[in-house]
Amino acid sequence: MKFGLMAGAVVLGLCVSSAAIADGAQDMGAGAMNRGGGPYSFQGGQAIFTNVCQGCHMPNAQGAVGAGTYPALAKNAKLEVAGYPVAVITHGQKAMPSFGNLLNDQQVADVVNYIRTHFGNAYKDKVSPADVKAQR
C-alpha cells in the first residue's frame, strides 16, 4: 500500500510540475513558440515523450489512475485522426495542460508521430510542422 501511495505521489508531482510550467508559459504569447524556441529543447519524438509525456502517461504509455486519470496512449483508437493528438498537445484538454507554448511545431509533430507509431499504434500517415502550425 505504501508503494502505491508513493507512486501516486510521484505521478501527481510530475504532472503538477508539467501543469505549472504550462500555466506559466501562457504569458509567453502564442507567437513565441512559432519563432523557433520554447522552454523545452528536447529533440525527436522519443526524447519528448520520455521527458515530457511519460510522467503522466507512464513509460509504456498505458496511462494511470491515482490522483487523476491519465489516459493510455497505447493502442488508442483516438490517435487514428492525426489532428486529434495535435490539438490536445497544443491546446490541452480537460486536465491535460496545453504544451503549445512549450513545444515548437517540429517538436509537436515529432511526438505525435512517435506516439502514433509506437505502443501498439500503427498509424502510418505523418504529421508535419505545417500541420501543427495550421492547428495553432
N, C-alpha and C. Protein backbone atom coordinates (compact mmCIF):
# COMPACT_ATOMS: atom_id res chain seq x y z
N MET A 1 0.83 -1.20 0.00
CA MET A 1 0.00 0.00 0.00
C MET A 1 0.87 1.25 0.00
N LYS A 2 1.96 1.23 0.78
CA LYS A 2 2.83 2.41 0.81
C LYS A 2 3.41 2.68 -0.56
N PHE A 3 3.79 1.62 -1.30
CA PHE A 3 4.36 1.81 -2.63
C PHE A 3 3.35 2.48 -3.55
N GLY A 4 2.09 2.04 -3.51
CA GLY A 4 1.06 2.62 -4.36
C GLY A 4 0.86 4.10 -4.06
N LEU A 5 0.86 4.46 -2.78
CA LEU A 5 0.71 5.86 -2.42
C LEU A 5 1.92 6.68 -2.88
N MET A 6 3.13 6.10 -2.72
CA MET A 6 4.33 6.81 -3.13
C MET A 6 4.35 6.99 -4.65
N ALA A 7 4.01 5.94 -5.39
CA ALA A 7 3.99 6.04 -6.85
C ALA A 7 2.97 7.07 -7.30
N GLY A 8 1.80 7.09 -6.64
CA GLY A 8 0.78 8.08 -6.97
C GLY A 8 1.27 9.49 -6.70
N ALA A 9 2.00 9.67 -5.60
CA ALA A 9 2.52 11.00 -5.27
C ALA A 9 3.56 11.44 -6.29
N VAL A 10 4.39 10.50 -6.74
CA VAL A 10 5.40 10.83 -7.75
C VAL A 10 4.72 11.24 -9.05
N VAL A 11 3.73 10.46 -9.49
CA VAL A 11 3.00 10.79 -10.72
C VAL A 11 2.32 12.14 -10.58
N LEU A 12 1.67 12.36 -9.45
CA LEU A 12 0.99 13.64 -9.22
C LEU A 12 2.00 14.77 -9.26
N GLY A 13 3.15 14.61 -8.63
CA GLY A 13 4.17 15.65 -8.61
C GLY A 13 4.67 15.97 -10.00
N LEU A 14 4.92 14.94 -10.80
CA LEU A 14 5.38 15.17 -12.17
C LEU A 14 4.33 15.88 -13.01
N CYS A 15 3.07 15.47 -12.86
CA CYS A 15 2.01 16.08 -13.66
C CYS A 15 1.73 17.50 -13.20
N VAL A 16 1.75 17.73 -11.90
CA VAL A 16 1.53 19.08 -11.39
C VAL A 16 2.65 19.99 -11.85
N SER A 17 3.90 19.48 -11.85
CA SER A 17 5.02 20.28 -12.32
C SER A 17 4.84 20.65 -13.78
N SER A 18 4.43 19.69 -14.60
CA SER A 18 4.20 19.98 -16.01
C SER A 18 3.09 20.99 -16.18
N ALA A 19 2.03 20.85 -15.40
CA ALA A 19 0.91 21.79 -15.50
C ALA A 19 1.34 23.18 -15.07
N ALA A 20 2.14 23.28 -14.02
CA ALA A 20 2.59 24.58 -13.55
C ALA A 20 3.48 25.26 -14.59
N ILE A 21 4.34 24.48 -15.22
CA ILE A 21 5.19 25.03 -16.27
C ILE A 21 4.33 25.51 -17.42
N ALA A 22 3.35 24.69 -17.81
CA ALA A 22 2.49 25.07 -18.92
C ALA A 22 1.68 26.31 -18.58
N ASP A 23 1.16 26.40 -17.34
CA ASP A 23 0.40 27.59 -16.95
C ASP A 23 1.28 28.82 -16.98
N GLY A 24 2.51 28.70 -16.51
CA GLY A 24 3.42 29.84 -16.50
C GLY A 24 3.81 30.27 -17.90
N ALA A 25 3.82 29.33 -18.81
CA ALA A 25 4.21 29.65 -20.18
C ALA A 25 3.13 30.39 -20.94
N GLN A 26 1.91 30.42 -20.43
CA GLN A 26 0.84 31.12 -21.12
C GLN A 26 1.17 32.59 -21.34
N ASP A 27 1.97 33.16 -20.46
CA ASP A 27 2.33 34.56 -20.56
C ASP A 27 3.28 34.85 -21.71
N MET A 28 3.86 33.81 -22.31
CA MET A 28 4.82 34.00 -23.38
C MET A 28 4.16 34.50 -24.66
N GLY A 29 2.89 34.22 -24.83
CA GLY A 29 2.20 34.61 -26.06
C GLY A 29 2.29 33.51 -27.10
N ALA A 30 1.27 33.39 -27.91
CA ALA A 30 1.19 32.29 -28.88
C ALA A 30 2.30 32.35 -29.92
N GLY A 31 2.78 33.52 -30.27
CA GLY A 31 3.80 33.64 -31.30
C GLY A 31 5.18 33.22 -30.85
N ALA A 32 5.41 33.14 -29.55
CA ALA A 32 6.75 32.85 -29.05
C ALA A 32 7.27 31.51 -29.56
N MET A 33 6.42 30.49 -29.56
CA MET A 33 6.86 29.16 -29.99
C MET A 33 7.06 29.12 -31.50
N ASN A 34 6.25 29.82 -32.24
CA ASN A 34 6.35 29.76 -33.69
C ASN A 34 7.61 30.43 -34.21
N ARG A 35 8.28 31.21 -33.38
CA ARG A 35 9.53 31.85 -33.81
C ARG A 35 10.72 30.94 -33.59
N GLY A 36 10.47 29.70 -33.20
CA GLY A 36 11.55 28.73 -33.16
C GLY A 36 12.14 28.49 -31.79
N GLY A 37 11.43 28.75 -30.73
CA GLY A 37 12.01 28.47 -29.43
C GLY A 37 10.95 28.24 -28.40
N GLY A 38 11.36 27.68 -27.32
CA GLY A 38 10.47 27.43 -26.21
C GLY A 38 11.26 26.83 -25.08
N PRO A 39 10.64 26.70 -23.95
CA PRO A 39 11.35 26.16 -22.79
C PRO A 39 11.89 24.75 -22.98
N TYR A 40 11.22 23.92 -23.79
CA TYR A 40 11.70 22.55 -23.96
C TYR A 40 12.62 22.44 -25.16
N SER A 41 13.81 21.93 -24.93
CA SER A 41 14.78 21.80 -26.01
C SER A 41 14.90 20.36 -26.51
N PHE A 42 14.11 19.45 -25.97
CA PHE A 42 14.19 18.04 -26.38
C PHE A 42 13.92 17.91 -27.87
N GLN A 43 14.70 17.07 -28.52
CA GLN A 43 14.56 16.86 -29.96
C GLN A 43 14.21 15.40 -30.24
N GLY A 44 13.28 15.18 -31.14
CA GLY A 44 12.87 13.83 -31.51
C GLY A 44 11.71 13.36 -30.67
N GLY A 45 10.81 12.61 -31.29
CA GLY A 45 9.61 12.15 -30.61
C GLY A 45 9.84 11.34 -29.36
N GLN A 46 10.81 10.43 -29.40
CA GLN A 46 11.07 9.60 -28.22
C GLN A 46 11.59 10.44 -27.06
N ALA A 47 12.49 11.36 -27.32
CA ALA A 47 13.03 12.21 -26.25
C ALA A 47 11.94 13.09 -25.65
N ILE A 48 11.06 13.62 -26.48
CA ILE A 48 9.98 14.46 -25.98
C ILE A 48 9.02 13.61 -25.15
N PHE A 49 8.66 12.43 -25.65
CA PHE A 49 7.77 11.56 -24.88
C PHE A 49 8.40 11.22 -23.53
N THR A 50 9.66 10.83 -23.55
CA THR A 50 10.35 10.42 -22.32
C THR A 50 10.44 11.56 -21.31
N ASN A 51 10.74 12.75 -21.76
CA ASN A 51 10.97 13.87 -20.85
C ASN A 51 9.74 14.70 -20.53
N VAL A 52 8.70 14.60 -21.32
CA VAL A 52 7.52 15.42 -21.10
C VAL A 52 6.27 14.59 -20.82
N CYS A 53 6.02 13.59 -21.62
CA CYS A 53 4.75 12.87 -21.59
C CYS A 53 4.68 11.71 -20.60
N GLN A 54 5.77 10.97 -20.47
CA GLN A 54 5.68 9.73 -19.71
C GLN A 54 5.48 9.95 -18.21
N GLY A 55 5.72 11.14 -17.72
CA GLY A 55 5.46 11.41 -16.30
C GLY A 55 4.02 11.17 -15.92
N CYS A 56 3.11 11.41 -16.83
CA CYS A 56 1.69 11.18 -16.57
C CYS A 56 1.17 9.94 -17.29
N HIS A 57 1.58 9.77 -18.54
CA HIS A 57 1.05 8.66 -19.35
C HIS A 57 1.81 7.36 -19.14
N MET A 58 2.89 7.39 -18.36
CA MET A 58 3.71 6.25 -17.98
C MET A 58 4.65 5.84 -19.12
N PRO A 59 5.80 5.23 -18.76
CA PRO A 59 6.80 4.87 -19.77
C PRO A 59 6.28 3.95 -20.87
N ASN A 60 5.33 3.09 -20.54
CA ASN A 60 4.79 2.16 -21.54
C ASN A 60 3.52 2.72 -22.19
N ALA A 61 3.17 3.98 -21.87
CA ALA A 61 2.01 4.68 -22.43
C ALA A 61 0.68 4.03 -22.06
N GLN A 62 0.68 3.26 -20.97
CA GLN A 62 -0.54 2.58 -20.54
C GLN A 62 -1.46 3.48 -19.72
N GLY A 63 -1.00 4.70 -19.42
CA GLY A 63 -1.82 5.60 -18.63
C GLY A 63 -1.78 5.22 -17.16
N ALA A 64 -2.51 5.95 -16.35
CA ALA A 64 -2.52 5.69 -14.91
C ALA A 64 -3.79 6.25 -14.30
N VAL A 65 -4.13 5.69 -13.15
CA VAL A 65 -5.24 6.20 -12.35
C VAL A 65 -4.72 6.34 -10.95
N GLY A 66 -4.93 7.48 -10.36
CA GLY A 66 -4.48 7.75 -9.00
C GLY A 66 -5.09 9.06 -8.56
N ALA A 67 -4.27 10.06 -8.44
CA ALA A 67 -4.76 11.39 -8.08
C ALA A 67 -5.61 11.96 -9.21
N GLY A 68 -5.48 11.40 -10.38
CA GLY A 68 -6.25 11.79 -11.55
C GLY A 68 -6.26 10.62 -12.50
N THR A 69 -6.88 10.80 -13.65
CA THR A 69 -6.89 9.77 -14.67
C THR A 69 -6.07 10.26 -15.85
N TYR A 70 -5.08 9.50 -16.21
CA TYR A 70 -4.18 9.83 -17.31
C TYR A 70 -4.40 8.78 -18.38
N PRO A 71 -5.01 9.15 -19.50
CA PRO A 71 -5.40 8.15 -20.50
C PRO A 71 -4.21 7.40 -21.11
N ALA A 72 -4.48 6.17 -21.45
CA ALA A 72 -3.49 5.36 -22.16
C ALA A 72 -3.34 5.90 -23.57
N LEU A 73 -2.12 5.98 -24.03
CA LEU A 73 -1.83 6.30 -25.42
C LEU A 73 -1.61 5.02 -26.21
N ALA A 74 -1.30 3.94 -25.51
CA ALA A 74 -1.07 2.64 -26.14
C ALA A 74 -2.37 2.12 -26.73
N LYS A 75 -2.29 1.65 -27.96
CA LYS A 75 -3.44 1.06 -28.66
C LYS A 75 -4.67 1.97 -28.55
N ASN A 76 -4.46 3.25 -28.77
CA ASN A 76 -5.53 4.24 -28.62
C ASN A 76 -6.12 4.60 -29.98
N ALA A 77 -7.37 4.21 -30.19
CA ALA A 77 -8.05 4.46 -31.47
C ALA A 77 -8.25 5.95 -31.74
N LYS A 78 -8.26 6.78 -30.70
CA LYS A 78 -8.43 8.22 -30.90
C LYS A 78 -7.25 8.84 -31.63
N LEU A 79 -6.12 8.15 -31.64
CA LEU A 79 -4.93 8.67 -32.32
C LEU A 79 -4.97 8.46 -33.83
N GLU A 80 -5.98 7.75 -34.32
CA GLU A 80 -6.07 7.49 -35.76
C GLU A 80 -6.17 8.79 -36.56
N VAL A 81 -6.94 9.72 -36.08
CA VAL A 81 -7.05 11.02 -36.75
C VAL A 81 -5.93 11.89 -36.20
N ALA A 82 -4.93 12.15 -37.02
CA ALA A 82 -3.71 12.82 -36.58
C ALA A 82 -3.95 14.19 -35.96
N GLY A 83 -4.98 14.88 -36.39
CA GLY A 83 -5.28 16.20 -35.84
C GLY A 83 -5.68 16.18 -34.39
N TYR A 84 -6.21 15.04 -33.92
CA TYR A 84 -6.65 14.95 -32.52
C TYR A 84 -5.49 15.11 -31.54
N PRO A 85 -4.43 14.29 -31.62
CA PRO A 85 -3.34 14.49 -30.65
C PRO A 85 -2.64 15.84 -30.84
N VAL A 86 -2.59 16.36 -32.05
CA VAL A 86 -2.00 17.68 -32.27
C VAL A 86 -2.78 18.73 -31.48
N ALA A 87 -4.10 18.68 -31.58
CA ALA A 87 -4.95 19.65 -30.87
C ALA A 87 -4.82 19.50 -29.36
N VAL A 88 -4.81 18.27 -28.87
CA VAL A 88 -4.72 18.05 -27.42
C VAL A 88 -3.38 18.54 -26.89
N ILE A 89 -2.30 18.27 -27.59
CA ILE A 89 -0.98 18.69 -27.14
C ILE A 89 -0.83 20.21 -27.20
N THR A 90 -1.28 20.82 -28.27
CA THR A 90 -1.08 22.26 -28.41
C THR A 90 -2.06 23.09 -27.59
N HIS A 91 -3.29 22.60 -27.42
CA HIS A 91 -4.32 23.40 -26.73
C HIS A 91 -4.73 22.85 -25.37
N GLY A 92 -4.38 21.60 -25.07
CA GLY A 92 -4.80 20.98 -23.84
C GLY A 92 -6.22 20.46 -23.96
N GLN A 93 -6.63 19.66 -22.97
CA GLN A 93 -7.99 19.12 -22.94
C GLN A 93 -8.25 18.59 -21.55
N LYS A 94 -9.34 19.03 -20.95
CA LYS A 94 -9.70 18.63 -19.59
C LYS A 94 -8.50 18.88 -18.66
N ALA A 95 -7.97 17.84 -18.01
CA ALA A 95 -6.86 18.02 -17.07
C ALA A 95 -5.50 18.10 -17.77
N MET A 96 -5.46 17.81 -19.05
CA MET A 96 -4.20 17.88 -19.81
C MET A 96 -3.88 19.34 -20.09
N PRO A 97 -2.73 19.82 -19.60
CA PRO A 97 -2.38 21.22 -19.87
C PRO A 97 -1.95 21.41 -21.32
N SER A 98 -2.02 22.60 -21.78
CA SER A 98 -1.55 22.96 -23.12
C SER A 98 -0.02 22.98 -23.11
N PHE A 99 0.56 22.37 -24.12
CA PHE A 99 2.01 22.42 -24.30
C PHE A 99 2.36 23.24 -25.53
N GLY A 100 1.39 23.97 -26.06
CA GLY A 100 1.59 24.76 -27.26
C GLY A 100 2.65 25.83 -27.13
N ASN A 101 2.84 26.36 -25.94
CA ASN A 101 3.86 27.38 -25.73
C ASN A 101 5.18 26.80 -25.23
N LEU A 102 5.21 25.49 -25.08
CA LEU A 102 6.43 24.83 -24.59
C LEU A 102 7.14 24.02 -25.67
N LEU A 103 6.39 23.66 -26.71
CA LEU A 103 6.93 22.86 -27.80
C LEU A 103 6.71 23.60 -29.11
N ASN A 104 7.71 23.60 -29.98
CA ASN A 104 7.52 24.24 -31.29
C ASN A 104 6.82 23.26 -32.23
N ASP A 105 6.53 23.72 -33.43
CA ASP A 105 5.77 22.92 -34.38
C ASP A 105 6.47 21.60 -34.71
N GLN A 106 7.78 21.63 -34.89
CA GLN A 106 8.53 20.40 -35.18
C GLN A 106 8.45 19.43 -34.01
N GLN A 107 8.59 19.92 -32.79
CA GLN A 107 8.54 19.05 -31.61
C GLN A 107 7.17 18.39 -31.47
N VAL A 108 6.10 19.16 -31.68
CA VAL A 108 4.75 18.59 -31.60
C VAL A 108 4.59 17.52 -32.67
N ALA A 109 4.99 17.82 -33.89
CA ALA A 109 4.88 16.84 -34.97
C ALA A 109 5.68 15.57 -34.62
N ASP A 110 6.88 15.74 -34.10
CA ASP A 110 7.72 14.59 -33.76
C ASP A 110 7.09 13.70 -32.70
N VAL A 111 6.55 14.31 -31.63
CA VAL A 111 5.99 13.49 -30.56
C VAL A 111 4.67 12.86 -31.00
N VAL A 112 3.88 13.55 -31.79
CA VAL A 112 2.65 12.96 -32.31
C VAL A 112 2.99 11.77 -33.21
N ASN A 113 3.95 11.94 -34.11
CA ASN A 113 4.34 10.83 -34.97
C ASN A 113 4.89 9.66 -34.16
N TYR A 114 5.60 9.95 -33.09
CA TYR A 114 6.15 8.89 -32.24
C TYR A 114 5.04 8.10 -31.56
N ILE A 115 4.10 8.78 -30.90
CA ILE A 115 3.06 8.04 -30.18
C ILE A 115 2.11 7.32 -31.14
N ARG A 116 1.98 7.82 -32.36
CA ARG A 116 1.09 7.19 -33.33
C ARG A 116 1.73 5.98 -34.01
N THR A 117 3.03 5.76 -33.81
CA THR A 117 3.72 4.62 -34.43
C THR A 117 4.38 3.70 -33.40
N HIS A 118 4.13 3.94 -32.14
CA HIS A 118 4.68 3.11 -31.07
C HIS A 118 3.56 2.70 -30.11
N PHE A 119 3.89 1.86 -29.15
CA PHE A 119 2.96 1.45 -28.09
C PHE A 119 1.73 0.72 -28.64
N GLY A 120 1.92 -0.04 -29.71
CA GLY A 120 0.82 -0.79 -30.31
C GLY A 120 -0.02 0.02 -31.28
N ASN A 121 0.38 1.25 -31.55
CA ASN A 121 -0.28 2.08 -32.55
C ASN A 121 0.48 1.93 -33.87
N ALA A 122 -0.24 1.87 -34.98
CA ALA A 122 0.43 1.68 -36.27
C ALA A 122 -0.16 2.61 -37.33
N TYR A 123 -0.33 3.87 -36.97
CA TYR A 123 -0.87 4.85 -37.90
C TYR A 123 0.28 5.39 -38.75
N LYS A 124 0.20 5.21 -40.05
CA LYS A 124 1.33 5.48 -40.94
C LYS A 124 1.41 6.92 -41.43
N ASP A 125 0.27 7.63 -41.53
CA ASP A 125 0.33 9.00 -42.05
C ASP A 125 1.05 9.90 -41.05
N LYS A 126 1.92 10.71 -41.57
CA LYS A 126 2.78 11.56 -40.73
C LYS A 126 2.19 12.95 -40.56
N VAL A 127 2.45 13.54 -39.42
CA VAL A 127 2.09 14.93 -39.14
C VAL A 127 3.32 15.78 -39.46
N SER A 128 3.13 16.88 -40.13
CA SER A 128 4.25 17.78 -40.44
C SER A 128 4.18 19.02 -39.56
N PRO A 129 5.27 19.74 -39.43
CA PRO A 129 5.23 21.00 -38.69
C PRO A 129 4.18 21.97 -39.27
N ALA A 130 3.96 21.92 -40.57
CA ALA A 130 2.94 22.78 -41.19
C ALA A 130 1.53 22.39 -40.70
N ASP A 131 1.30 21.10 -40.49
CA ASP A 131 0.01 20.65 -39.96
C ASP A 131 -0.20 21.20 -38.56
N VAL A 132 0.85 21.19 -37.76
CA VAL A 132 0.77 21.70 -36.39
C VAL A 132 0.50 23.22 -36.43
N LYS A 133 1.24 23.91 -37.25
CA LYS A 133 1.08 25.37 -37.36
C LYS A 133 -0.36 25.73 -37.72
N ALA A 134 -0.97 24.95 -38.58
CA ALA A 134 -2.35 25.19 -39.00
C ALA A 134 -3.33 25.00 -37.85
N GLN A 135 -2.98 24.19 -36.86
CA GLN A 135 -3.86 23.95 -35.71
C GLN A 135 -3.71 25.00 -34.61
N ARG A 136 -2.64 25.75 -34.64
CA ARG A 136 -2.39 26.71 -33.57
C ARG A 136 -3.36 27.86 -33.60
